[in-house]
């Protein structure tokens, strides 16, 4: 079998990574547009209405229009791109981790022409695949594929949990901060508190966006907690030889099913935060994987 550390850097696999990264970036553009119209635009319109009372008459129409567009259009196209990216990511994992494709999970794979199209767009932006190399931080030179793929699956779960945890904290505080900012601005311009509270309805896009994002991240984190518990148990069983290679492979495929569904329904994280967190936690992730590999080798190279 090919070693993951080498296989993942072959050109065909890098093209899959490039395509899925570009598709995720498109989905994040819809998320950004949703964010801009739900929060900064509504805040700006609210402030302008203090200076230009004529705008007050249009507040309800602006609010309803933004809410409908975000819920019925933005989310729809965002989900379509996430689904394509998730399927390509599954194709990459199936190849690299050398596990069977589950036709009951995904009816059909993404056509190579679509992968080539989005890979080309990725290269137009980033010039090469350098940033995508060594996607998994695992040195599987001395460990079997059954254990190596568990380490990679754990990296997926561990990394996503770090990102989602931070972003969930941010999105939880946004509505509170926005509320007090607008309250202070309103009171400074002689709006009575009662008037401000009556106008909360017009801030519904902010409320809808933040509540929607809050529950999406909460669901993602609950899913990640469950996945993390399962992968830690599997790794412990692999280290202590409680499961044979065939049983580990079956469990990895079942776990991969859960990872796919998690990715498909998981809330997105903006690229800026992704890069910032990657730079911060890269070494910690590598060290964690290496420690588990060392634990495995200690027992399996020195059987009692």
C-alpha atoms as a PDB file:
ATOM      1  CA  UNK A   1       0.000   0.000   0.000  1.00  0.00           C
ATOM      2  CA  UNK A   2       1.097   3.572  -0.676  1.00  0.00           C
ATOM      3  CA  UNK A   3       2.191   5.687   2.268  1.00  0.00           C
ATOM      4  CA  UNK A   4      -0.174   8.563   3.068  1.00  0.00           C
ATOM      5  CA  UNK A   5       2.640  11.111   3.456  1.00  0.00           C
ATOM      6  CA  UNK A   6       3.655  10.542  -0.182  1.00  0.00           C
ATOM      7  CA  UNK A   7       0.302   9.653  -1.761  1.00  0.00           C
ATOM      8  CA  UNK A   8      -1.361  12.902  -0.632  1.00  0.00           C
ATOM      9  CA  UNK A   9       1.159  14.992  -2.611  1.00  0.00           C
ATOM     10  CA  UNK A  10       0.548  13.337  -5.968  1.00  0.00           C
ATOM     11  CA  UNK A  11      -0.760  15.770  -8.570  1.00  0.00           C
ATOM     12  CA  UNK A  12      -4.193  14.095  -8.976  1.00  0.00           C
ATOM     13  CA  UNK A  13      -4.823  14.332  -5.238  1.00  0.00           C
ATOM     14  CA  UNK A  14      -3.606  17.932  -4.990  1.00  0.00           C
ATOM     15  CA  UNK A  15      -6.030  18.830  -7.776  1.00  0.00           C
ATOM     16  CA  UNK A  16      -8.897  17.418  -5.711  1.00  0.00           C
ATOM     17  CA  UNK A  17      -7.800  19.478  -2.714  1.00  0.00           C
ATOM     18  CA  UNK A  18      -7.531  22.605  -4.874  1.00  0.00           C
ATOM     19  CA  UNK A  19     -11.013  22.074  -6.295  1.00  0.00           C
ATOM     20  CA  UNK A  20     -12.628  21.544  -2.918  1.00  0.00           C
ATOM     21  CA  UNK A  21     -10.812  24.544  -1.396  1.00  0.00           C
ATOM     22  CA  UNK A  22     -12.048  26.764  -4.239  1.00  0.00           C
ATOM     23  CA  UNK A  23     -15.610  25.498  -3.867  1.00  0.00           C
ATOM     24  CA  UNK A  24     -15.512  26.169  -0.138  1.00  0.00           C
ATOM     25  CA  UNK A  25     -14.243  29.691  -0.884  1.00  0.00           C
ATOM     26  CA  UNK A  26     -17.281  30.280  -3.135  1.00  0.00           C
ATOM     27  CA  UNK A  27     -19.597  29.074  -0.356  1.00  0.00           C
ATOM     28  CA  UNK A  28     -17.858  31.454   2.041  1.00  0.00           C
ATOM     29  CA  UNK A  29     -18.542  34.344  -0.338  1.00  0.00           C
ATOM     30  CA  UNK A  30     -22.265  33.667   0.057  1.00  0.00           C
ATOM     31  CA  UNK A  31     -21.730  33.485   3.819  1.00  0.00           C
ATOM     32  CA  UNK A  32     -19.862  36.815   3.742  1.00  0.00           C
ATOM     33  CA  UNK A  33     -22.617  38.452   1.673  1.00  0.00           C
ATOM     34  CA  UNK A  34     -25.142  37.095   4.151  1.00  0.00           C
ATOM     35  CA  UNK A  35     -23.103  38.548   7.020  1.00  0.00           C
ATOM     36  CA  UNK A  36     -22.631  41.968   5.386  1.00  0.00           C
ATOM     37  CA  UNK A  37     -26.305  42.465   4.596  1.00  0.00           C
ATOM     38  CA  UNK A  38     -27.436  41.040   7.942  1.00  0.00           C
ATOM     39  CA  UNK A  39     -25.220  43.099  10.241  1.00  0.00           C
ATOM     40  CA  UNK A  40     -23.103  46.031   8.865  1.00  0.00           C
ATOM     41  CA  UNK A  41     -25.711  47.069   6.291  1.00  0.00           C
ATOM     42  CA  UNK A  42     -28.569  46.982   8.825  1.00  0.00           C
ATOM     43  CA  UNK A  43     -26.487  48.935  11.367  1.00  0.00           C
ATOM     44  CA  UNK A  44     -25.601  51.542   8.745  1.00  0.00           C
ATOM     45  CA  UNK A  45     -29.232  51.854   7.634  1.00  0.00           C
ATOM     46  CA  UNK A  46     -30.320  52.222  11.273  1.00  0.00           C
ATOM     47  CA  UNK A  47     -27.794  55.030  11.852  1.00  0.00           C
ATOM     48  CA  UNK A  48     -28.710  56.818   8.601  1.00  0.00           C
ATOM     49  CA  UNK A  49     -32.392  56.702   9.559  1.00  0.00           C
ATOM     50  CA  UNK A  50     -31.534  58.805  12.613  1.00  0.00           C
ATOM     51  CA  UNK A  51     -30.285  61.569  10.323  1.00  0.00           C
ATOM     52  CA  UNK A  52     -32.763  61.041   7.478  1.00  0.00           C
ATOM     53  CA  UNK A  53     -36.201  60.207   8.950  1.00  0.00           C
ATOM     54  CA  UNK A  54     -37.575  59.489   5.477  1.00  0.00           C
ATOM     55  CA  UNK A  55     -35.653  56.201   5.540  1.00  0.00           C
ATOM     56  CA  UNK A  56     -37.682  54.999   8.522  1.00  0.00           C
ATOM     57  CA  UNK A  57     -40.648  54.284   6.238  1.00  0.00           C
ATOM     58  CA  UNK A  58     -38.583  51.719   4.318  1.00  0.00           C
ATOM     59  CA  UNK A  59     -37.075  49.898   7.304  1.00  0.00           C
ATOM     60  CA  UNK A  60     -39.599  47.094   7.381  1.00  0.00           C
ATOM     61  CA  UNK A  61     -39.276  46.422   3.629  1.00  0.00           C
ATOM     62  CA  UNK A  62     -35.474  46.399   3.820  1.00  0.00           C
ATOM     63  CA  UNK A  63     -35.559  44.068   6.820  1.00  0.00           C
ATOM     64  CA  UNK A  64     -38.014  41.567   5.301  1.00  0.00           C
ATOM     65  CA  UNK A  65     -36.241  41.569   1.912  1.00  0.00           C
ATOM     66  CA  UNK A  66     -32.822  40.864   3.435  1.00  0.00           C
ATOM     67  CA  UNK A  67     -34.188  38.081   5.650  1.00  0.00           C
ATOM     68  CA  UNK A  68     -35.943  36.375   2.723  1.00  0.00           C
ATOM     69  CA  UNK A  69     -32.961  36.686   0.367  1.00  0.00           C
ATOM     70  CA  UNK A  70     -30.577  35.291   2.995  1.00  0.00           C
ATOM     71  CA  UNK A  71     -32.794  32.377   3.991  1.00  0.00           C
ATOM     72  CA  UNK A  72     -34.087  31.363   0.558  1.00  0.00           C
ATOM     73  CA  UNK A  73     -31.308  32.299  -1.873  1.00  0.00           C
ATOM     74  CA  UNK A  74     -27.951  32.777  -0.125  1.00  0.00           C
ATOM     75  CA  UNK A  75     -28.290  29.612   1.973  1.00  0.00           C
ATOM     76  CA  UNK A  76     -29.405  27.561  -1.036  1.00  0.00           C
ATOM     77  CA  UNK A  77     -26.389  28.395  -3.207  1.00  0.00           C
ATOM     78  CA  UNK A  78     -24.053  28.151  -0.258  1.00  0.00           C
ATOM     79  CA  UNK A  79     -25.273  24.602   0.454  1.00  0.00           C
ATOM     80  CA  UNK A  80     -24.866  23.552  -3.198  1.00  0.00           C
ATOM     81  CA  UNK A  81     -21.181  24.549  -3.199  1.00  0.00           C
ATOM     82  CA  UNK A  82     -20.597  22.949   0.200  1.00  0.00           C
ATOM     83  CA  UNK A  83     -22.071  19.676  -1.087  1.00  0.00           C
ATOM     84  CA  UNK A  84     -19.811  19.621  -4.156  1.00  0.00           C
ATOM     85  CA  UNK A  85     -16.766  20.455  -2.016  1.00  0.00           C
ATOM     86  CA  UNK A  86     -17.667  17.798   0.548  1.00  0.00           C
ATOM     87  CA  UNK A  87     -18.009  15.077  -2.092  1.00  0.00           C
ATOM     88  CA  UNK A  88     -14.612  15.974  -3.585  1.00  0.00           C
ATOM     89  CA  UNK A  89     -13.102  15.952  -0.096  1.00  0.00           C
ATOM     90  CA  UNK A  90     -14.587  12.494   0.418  1.00  0.00           C
ATOM     91  CA  UNK A  91     -13.025  11.352  -2.877  1.00  0.00           C
ATOM     92  CA  UNK A  92      -9.652  12.638  -1.660  1.00  0.00           C
ATOM     93  CA  UNK A  93      -9.982  10.875   1.704  1.00  0.00           C
ATOM     94  CA  UNK A  94     -11.100   7.593   0.134  1.00  0.00           C
ATOM     95  CA  UNK A  95      -8.015   7.653  -2.103  1.00  0.00           C
ATOM     96  CA  UNK A  96      -5.486   8.782   0.495  1.00  0.00           C
ATOM     97  CA  UNK A  97      -6.799   6.752   3.429  1.00  0.00           C
ATOM     98  CA  UNK A  98      -7.300   3.765   1.115  1.00  0.00           C
ATOM     99  CA  UNK A  99     -10.790   2.858   2.227  1.00  0.00           C
ATOM    100  CA  UNK A 100     -13.726   1.747   0.107  1.00  0.00           C
ATOM    101  CA  UNK A 101     -16.191   4.182  -1.477  1.00  0.00           C
ATOM    102  CA  UNK A 102     -19.631   3.973   0.134  1.00  0.00           C
ATOM    103  CA  UNK A 103     -22.258   4.153  -2.677  1.00  0.00           C
ATOM    104  CA  UNK A 104     -25.050   4.286  -0.076  1.00  0.00           C
ATOM    105  CA  UNK A 105     -23.524   7.467   1.364  1.00  0.00           C
ATOM    106  CA  UNK A 106     -22.928   9.288  -1.937  1.00  0.00           C
ATOM    107  CA  UNK A 107     -24.757   8.234  -5.077  1.00  0.00           C
ATOM    108  CA  UNK A 108     -22.007   9.336  -7.470  1.00  0.00           C
ATOM    109  CA  UNK A 109     -18.651  11.084  -7.366  1.00  0.00           C
ATOM    110  CA  UNK A 110     -17.882  14.494  -8.826  1.00  0.00           C
ATOM    111  CA  UNK A 111     -16.860  14.296 -12.494  1.00  0.00           C
ATOM    112  CA  UNK A 112     -13.188  14.858 -13.256  1.00  0.00           C
ATOM    113  CA  UNK A 113     -14.108  17.746 -15.594  1.00  0.00           C
ATOM    114  CA  UNK A 114     -15.586  19.702 -12.677  1.00  0.00           C
ATOM    115  CA  UNK A 115     -12.525  18.996 -10.535  1.00  0.00           C
ATOM    116  CA  UNK A 116     -10.289  20.220 -13.364  1.00  0.00           C
ATOM    117  CA  UNK A 117     -12.408  23.360 -13.770  1.00  0.00           C
ATOM    118  CA  UNK A 118     -12.171  24.393 -10.116  1.00  0.00           C
ATOM    119  CA  UNK A 119      -8.545  23.318  -9.848  1.00  0.00           C
ATOM    120  CA  UNK A 120      -7.778  25.685 -12.727  1.00  0.00           C
ATOM    121  CA  UNK A 121      -9.584  28.529 -10.957  1.00  0.00           C
ATOM    122  CA  UNK A 122      -7.649  27.764  -7.770  1.00  0.00           C
ATOM    123  CA  UNK A 123      -4.341  27.915  -9.668  1.00  0.00           C
ATOM    124  CA  UNK A 124      -5.327  31.244 -11.232  1.00  0.00           C
ATOM    125  CA  UNK A 125      -5.581  32.625  -7.703  1.00  0.00           C
ATOM    126  CA  UNK A 126      -2.739  30.830  -5.890  1.00  0.00           C
ATOM    127  CA  UNK A 127      -0.392  29.926  -8.823  1.00  0.00           C
ATOM    128  CA  UNK A 128       0.536  26.466  -7.466  1.00  0.00           C
ATOM    129  CA  UNK A 129      -0.460  23.698  -5.012  1.00  0.00           C
ATOM    130  CA  UNK A 130       2.273  24.421  -2.484  1.00  0.00           C
ATOM    131  CA  UNK A 131      -0.134  25.402   0.318  1.00  0.00           C
ATOM    132  CA  UNK A 132      -2.010  22.115  -0.093  1.00  0.00           C
ATOM    133  CA  UNK A 133       0.943  19.780   0.270  1.00  0.00           C
ATOM    134  CA  UNK A 134       1.187  17.573   3.355  1.00  0.00           C
ATOM    135  CA  UNK A 135      -2.519  17.964   4.040  1.00  0.00           C
ATOM    136  CA  UNK A 136      -2.243  15.343   6.777  1.00  0.00           C
ATOM    137  CA  UNK A 137       0.585  15.757   9.274  1.00  0.00           C
ATOM    138  CA  UNK A 138       1.330  12.073   9.632  1.00  0.00           C
ATOM    139  CA  UNK A 139       4.571  10.181   9.148  1.00  0.00           C
ATOM    140  CA  UNK A 140       3.298   6.686   8.446  1.00  0.00           C
ATOM    141  CA  UNK A 141       6.667   5.235   7.482  1.00  0.00           C
ATOM    142  CA  UNK A 142       6.641   2.733  10.342  1.00  0.00           C
ATOM    143  CA  UNK A 143       2.970   2.206  11.090  1.00  0.00           C
ATOM    144  CA  UNK A 144       0.273   0.184   9.268  1.00  0.00           C
ATOM    145  CA  UNK A 145      -2.352   1.926   7.148  1.00  0.00           C
ATOM    146  CA  UNK A 146      -5.107   0.882   9.578  1.00  0.00           C
ATOM    147  CA  UNK A 147      -3.561   3.023  12.332  1.00  0.00           C
ATOM    148  CA  UNK A 148      -2.334   5.801  10.028  1.00  0.00           C
ATOM    149  CA  UNK A 149      -5.835   6.477   8.665  1.00  0.00           C
ATOM    150  CA  UNK A 150      -7.184   6.758  12.220  1.00  0.00           C
ATOM    151  CA  UNK A 151      -4.549   9.404  12.949  1.00  0.00           C
ATOM    152  CA  UNK A 152      -5.636  11.323   9.837  1.00  0.00           C
ATOM    153  CA  UNK A 153      -9.295  11.069  10.737  1.00  0.00           C
ATOM    154  CA  UNK A 154      -8.478  12.317  14.219  1.00  0.00           C
ATOM    155  CA  UNK A 155      -6.643  15.309  12.706  1.00  0.00           C
ATOM    156  CA  UNK A 156      -9.783  16.166  10.739  1.00  0.00           C
ATOM    157  CA  UNK A 157     -11.928  16.098  13.863  1.00  0.00           C
ATOM    158  CA  UNK A 158      -9.424  17.801  16.190  1.00  0.00           C
ATOM    159  CA  UNK A 159      -8.733  20.629  13.756  1.00  0.00           C
ATOM    160  CA  UNK A 160     -12.381  21.305  12.968  1.00  0.00           C
ATOM    161  CA  UNK A 161     -13.279  21.368  16.649  1.00  0.00           C
ATOM    162  CA  UNK A 162     -10.641  24.022  17.350  1.00  0.00           C
ATOM    163  CA  UNK A 163     -11.977  26.241  14.554  1.00  0.00           C
ATOM    164  CA  UNK A 164     -15.657  25.819  15.399  1.00  0.00           C
ATOM    165  CA  UNK A 165     -15.141  26.395  19.134  1.00  0.00           C
ATOM    166  CA  UNK A 166     -13.507  29.779  18.583  1.00  0.00           C
ATOM    167  CA  UNK A 167     -15.997  30.948  15.965  1.00  0.00           C
ATOM    168  CA  UNK A 168     -18.956  29.861  18.102  1.00  0.00           C
ATOM    169  CA  UNK A 169     -17.741  32.118  20.913  1.00  0.00           C
ATOM    170  CA  UNK A 170     -17.429  35.040  18.501  1.00  0.00           C
ATOM    171  CA  UNK A 171     -20.883  34.618  16.961  1.00  0.00           C
ATOM    172  CA  UNK A 172     -22.488  34.274  20.409  1.00  0.00           C
ATOM    173  CA  UNK A 173     -21.324  37.740  21.478  1.00  0.00           C
ATOM    174  CA  UNK A 174     -22.078  39.596  18.222  1.00  0.00           C
ATOM    175  CA  UNK A 175     -25.824  40.202  18.852  1.00  0.00           C
ATOM    176  CA  UNK A 176     -25.126  41.409  22.400  1.00  0.00           C
ATOM    177  CA  UNK A 177     -22.464  43.858  21.191  1.00  0.00           C
ATOM    178  CA  UNK A 178     -24.617  45.086  18.285  1.00  0.00           C
ATOM    179  CA  UNK A 179     -27.626  45.591  20.556  1.00  0.00           C
ATOM    180  CA  UNK A 180     -25.726  47.854  22.961  1.00  0.00           C
ATOM    181  CA  UNK A 181     -24.022  49.785  20.156  1.00  0.00           C
ATOM    182  CA  UNK A 182     -27.361  50.604  18.552  1.00  0.00           C
ATOM    183  CA  UNK A 183     -28.960  51.343  21.915  1.00  0.00           C
ATOM    184  CA  UNK A 184     -26.238  53.857  22.792  1.00  0.00           C
ATOM    185  CA  UNK A 185     -26.408  55.490  19.357  1.00  0.00           C
ATOM    186  CA  UNK A 186     -30.189  55.693  19.573  1.00  0.00           C
ATOM    187  CA  UNK A 187     -30.181  57.264  23.030  1.00  0.00           C
ATOM    188  CA  UNK A 188     -27.489  59.752  22.010  1.00  0.00           C
ATOM    189  CA  UNK A 189     -29.824  60.979  19.281  1.00  0.00           C
ATOM    190  CA  UNK A 190     -32.746  61.410  21.708  1.00  0.00           C
ATOM    191  CA  UNK A 191     -34.588  58.210  20.815  1.00  0.00           C
ATOM    192  CA  UNK A 192     -36.559  57.036  23.788  1.00  0.00           C
ATOM    193  CA  UNK A 193     -35.886  53.515  25.018  1.00  0.00           C
ATOM    194  CA  UNK A 194     -39.466  52.520  24.209  1.00  0.00           C
ATOM    195  CA  UNK A 195     -39.016  53.690  20.606  1.00  0.00           C
ATOM    196  CA  UNK A 196     -35.782  51.734  20.303  1.00  0.00           C
ATOM    197  CA  UNK A 197     -37.391  48.547  21.621  1.00  0.00           C
ATOM    198  CA  UNK A 198     -40.220  48.964  19.112  1.00  0.00           C
ATOM    199  CA  UNK A 199     -37.613  49.169  16.351  1.00  0.00           C
ATOM    200  CA  UNK A 200     -35.972  45.878  17.336  1.00  0.00           C
ATOM    201  CA  UNK A 201     -38.248  44.209  14.788  1.00  0.00           C
ATOM    202  CA  UNK A 202     -36.423  46.045  12.016  1.00  0.00           C
ATOM    203  CA  UNK A 203     -33.169  44.515  13.235  1.00  0.00           C
ATOM    204  CA  UNK A 204     -34.508  41.026  12.550  1.00  0.00           C
ATOM    205  CA  UNK A 205     -31.829  40.200   9.891  1.00  0.00           C
ATOM    206  CA  UNK A 206     -29.158  40.595  12.607  1.00  0.00           C
ATOM    207  CA  UNK A 207     -31.120  38.450  15.043  1.00  0.00           C
ATOM    208  CA  UNK A 208     -31.933  35.782  12.439  1.00  0.00           C
ATOM    209  CA  UNK A 209     -28.322  35.607  11.217  1.00  0.00           C
ATOM    210  CA  UNK A 210     -26.806  35.323  14.695  1.00  0.00           C
ATOM    211  CA  UNK A 211     -29.366  32.816  15.990  1.00  0.00           C
ATOM    212  CA  UNK A 212     -28.988  30.719  12.815  1.00  0.00           C
ATOM    213  CA  UNK A 213     -25.190  30.739  13.054  1.00  0.00           C
ATOM    214  CA  UNK A 214     -25.243  30.077  16.800  1.00  0.00           C
ATOM    215  CA  UNK A 215     -27.307  26.894  16.395  1.00  0.00           C
ATOM    216  CA  UNK A 216     -25.345  25.737  13.349  1.00  0.00           C
ATOM    217  CA  UNK A 217     -22.100  25.936  15.323  1.00  0.00           C
ATOM    218  CA  UNK A 218     -23.706  24.388  18.388  1.00  0.00           C
ATOM    219  CA  UNK A 219     -24.868  21.413  16.291  1.00  0.00           C
ATOM    220  CA  UNK A 220     -21.406  21.176  14.689  1.00  0.00           C
ATOM    221  CA  UNK A 221     -19.693  21.158  18.080  1.00  0.00           C
ATOM    222  CA  UNK A 222     -22.040  18.510  19.468  1.00  0.00           C
ATOM    223  CA  UNK A 223     -21.303  16.358  16.410  1.00  0.00           C
ATOM    224  CA  UNK A 224     -17.555  16.914  16.832  1.00  0.00           C
ATOM    225  CA  UNK A 225     -17.692  15.961  20.522  1.00  0.00           C
ATOM    226  CA  UNK A 226     -19.322  12.657  19.579  1.00  0.00           C
ATOM    227  CA  UNK A 227     -16.859  12.056  16.737  1.00  0.00           C
ATOM    228  CA  UNK A 228     -13.924  12.897  18.997  1.00  0.00           C
ATOM    229  CA  UNK A 229     -15.097  10.395  21.601  1.00  0.00           C
ATOM    230  CA  UNK A 230     -15.401   7.659  18.971  1.00  0.00           C
ATOM    231  CA  UNK A 231     -12.008   8.302  17.334  1.00  0.00           C
ATOM    232  CA  UNK A 232     -10.199   8.394  20.693  1.00  0.00           C
ATOM    233  CA  UNK A 233     -11.752   5.041  21.589  1.00  0.00           C
ATOM    234  CA  UNK A 234     -10.753   3.525  18.241  1.00  0.00           C
ATOM    235  CA  UNK A 235      -7.169   4.798  18.521  1.00  0.00           C
ATOM    236  CA  UNK A 236      -6.871   3.373  22.041  1.00  0.00           C
ATOM    237  CA  UNK A 237      -8.200   0.017  20.796  1.00  0.00           C
ATOM    238  CA  UNK A 238      -5.727   0.093  17.892  1.00  0.00           C
ATOM    239  CA  UNK A 239      -2.778   0.849  20.162  1.00  0.00           C
ATOM    240  CA  UNK A 240      -3.744  -1.959  22.556  1.00  0.00           C
ATOM    241  CA  UNK A 241      -4.516  -4.405  19.688  1.00  0.00           C
ATOM    242  CA  UNK A 242      -8.113  -4.870  20.815  1.00  0.00           C
ATOM    243  CA  UNK A 243      -9.269  -4.753  17.191  1.00  0.00           C
ATOM    244  CA  UNK A 244      -7.696  -6.584  14.253  1.00  0.00           C
ATOM    245  CA  UNK A 245      -6.822  -4.750  10.984  1.00  0.00           C
ATOM    246  CA  UNK A 246     -10.084  -5.777   9.304  1.00  0.00           C
ATOM    247  CA  UNK A 247     -12.161  -4.503  12.234  1.00  0.00           C
ATOM    248  CA  UNK A 248     -10.213  -1.224  12.281  1.00  0.00           C
ATOM    249  CA  UNK A 249     -10.843  -0.753   8.555  1.00  0.00           C
ATOM    250  CA  UNK A 250     -14.585  -1.330   8.975  1.00  0.00           C
ATOM    251  CA  UNK A 251     -14.720   1.139  11.864  1.00  0.00           C
ATOM    252  CA  UNK A 252     -12.742   3.720   9.876  1.00  0.00           C
ATOM    253  CA  UNK A 253     -15.261   3.484   7.039  1.00  0.00           C
ATOM    254  CA  UNK A 254     -18.159   3.935   9.488  1.00  0.00           C
ATOM    255  CA  UNK A 255     -16.376   6.896  11.049  1.00  0.00           C
ATOM    256  CA  UNK A 256     -15.751   8.362   7.600  1.00  0.00           C
ATOM    257  CA  UNK A 257     -19.510   8.261   6.958  1.00  0.00           C
ATOM    258  CA  UNK A 258     -20.033  10.412  10.046  1.00  0.00           C
ATOM    259  CA  UNK A 259     -17.236  12.786   9.018  1.00  0.00           C
ATOM    260  CA  UNK A 260     -18.876  13.231   5.603  1.00  0.00           C
ATOM    261  CA  UNK A 261     -22.276  14.082   7.104  1.00  0.00           C
ATOM    262  CA  UNK A 262     -20.599  16.438   9.566  1.00  0.00           C
ATOM    263  CA  UNK A 263     -18.820  18.285   6.760  1.00  0.00           C
ATOM    264  CA  UNK A 264     -21.992  18.478   4.695  1.00  0.00           C
ATOM    265  CA  UNK A 265     -24.006  20.071   7.503  1.00  0.00           C
ATOM    266  CA  UNK A 266     -21.236  21.910   9.297  1.00  0.00           C
ATOM    267  CA  UNK A 267     -21.103  25.701   9.601  1.00  0.00           C
ATOM    268  CA  UNK A 268     -18.313  27.400   7.652  1.00  0.00           C
ATOM    269  CA  UNK A 269     -15.359  29.342   9.029  1.00  0.00           C
ATOM    270  CA  UNK A 270     -13.914  32.299   7.126  1.00  0.00           C
ATOM    271  CA  UNK A 271     -10.512  31.785   5.475  1.00  0.00           C
ATOM    272  CA  UNK A 272      -8.843  34.519   7.557  1.00  0.00           C
ATOM    273  CA  UNK A 273      -9.657  32.708  10.789  1.00  0.00           C
ATOM    274  CA  UNK A 274      -8.759  29.351   9.189  1.00  0.00           C
ATOM    275  CA  UNK A 275      -5.268  30.600   8.282  1.00  0.00           C
ATOM    276  CA  UNK A 276      -4.733  32.310  11.638  1.00  0.00           C
ATOM    277  CA  UNK A 277      -5.716  29.184  13.554  1.00  0.00           C
ATOM    278  CA  UNK A 278      -3.641  26.934  11.287  1.00  0.00           C
ATOM    279  CA  UNK A 279      -0.512  28.986  11.963  1.00  0.00           C
ATOM    280  CA  UNK A 280      -1.241  28.903  15.690  1.00  0.00           C
ATOM    281  CA  UNK A 281      -2.101  25.217  16.123  1.00  0.00           C
ATOM    282  CA  UNK A 282      -0.111  23.469  13.378  1.00  0.00           C
ATOM    283  CA  UNK A 283       2.754  22.465  15.664  1.00  0.00           C
ATOM    284  CA  UNK A 284       0.384  21.286  18.381  1.00  0.00           C
ATOM    285  CA  UNK A 285      -1.515  19.104  15.920  1.00  0.00           C
ATOM    286  CA  UNK A 286       1.711  17.532  14.596  1.00  0.00           C
ATOM    287  CA  UNK A 287       2.992  16.903  18.125  1.00  0.00           C
ATOM    288  CA  UNK A 288      -0.281  15.276  19.143  1.00  0.00           C
ATOM    289  CA  UNK A 289      -0.214  12.911  16.138  1.00  0.00           C
ATOM    290  CA  UNK A 290       3.448  12.056  16.703  1.00  0.00           C
ATOM    291  CA  UNK A 291       2.777  11.245  20.372  1.00  0.00           C
ATOM    292  CA  UNK A 292       0.077   8.760  19.401  1.00  0.00           C
ATOM    293  CA  UNK A 293       2.370   7.148  16.830  1.00  0.00           C
ATOM    294  CA  UNK A 294       5.095   6.843  19.490  1.00  0.00           C
ATOM    295  CA  UNK A 295       2.619   5.178  21.852  1.00  0.00           C
ATOM    296  CA  UNK A 296       1.677   2.709  19.129  1.00  0.00           C
ATOM    297  CA  UNK A 297       5.293   1.877  18.264  1.00  0.00           C
ATOM    298  CA  UNK A 298       6.285   1.399  21.930  1.00  0.00           C
ATOM    299  CA  UNK A 299       3.721  -1.367  22.365  1.00  0.00           C
ATOM    300  CA  UNK A 300       3.946  -2.980  18.925  1.00  0.00           C
ATOM    301  CA  UNK A 301       7.744  -2.895  18.652  1.00  0.00           C
ATOM    302  CA  UNK A 302       8.165  -4.200  22.189  1.00  0.00           C
ATOM    303  CA  UNK A 303       5.421  -6.816  22.702  1.00  0.00           C
ATOM    304  CA  UNK A 304       5.270  -8.318  26.163  1.00  0.00           C
END
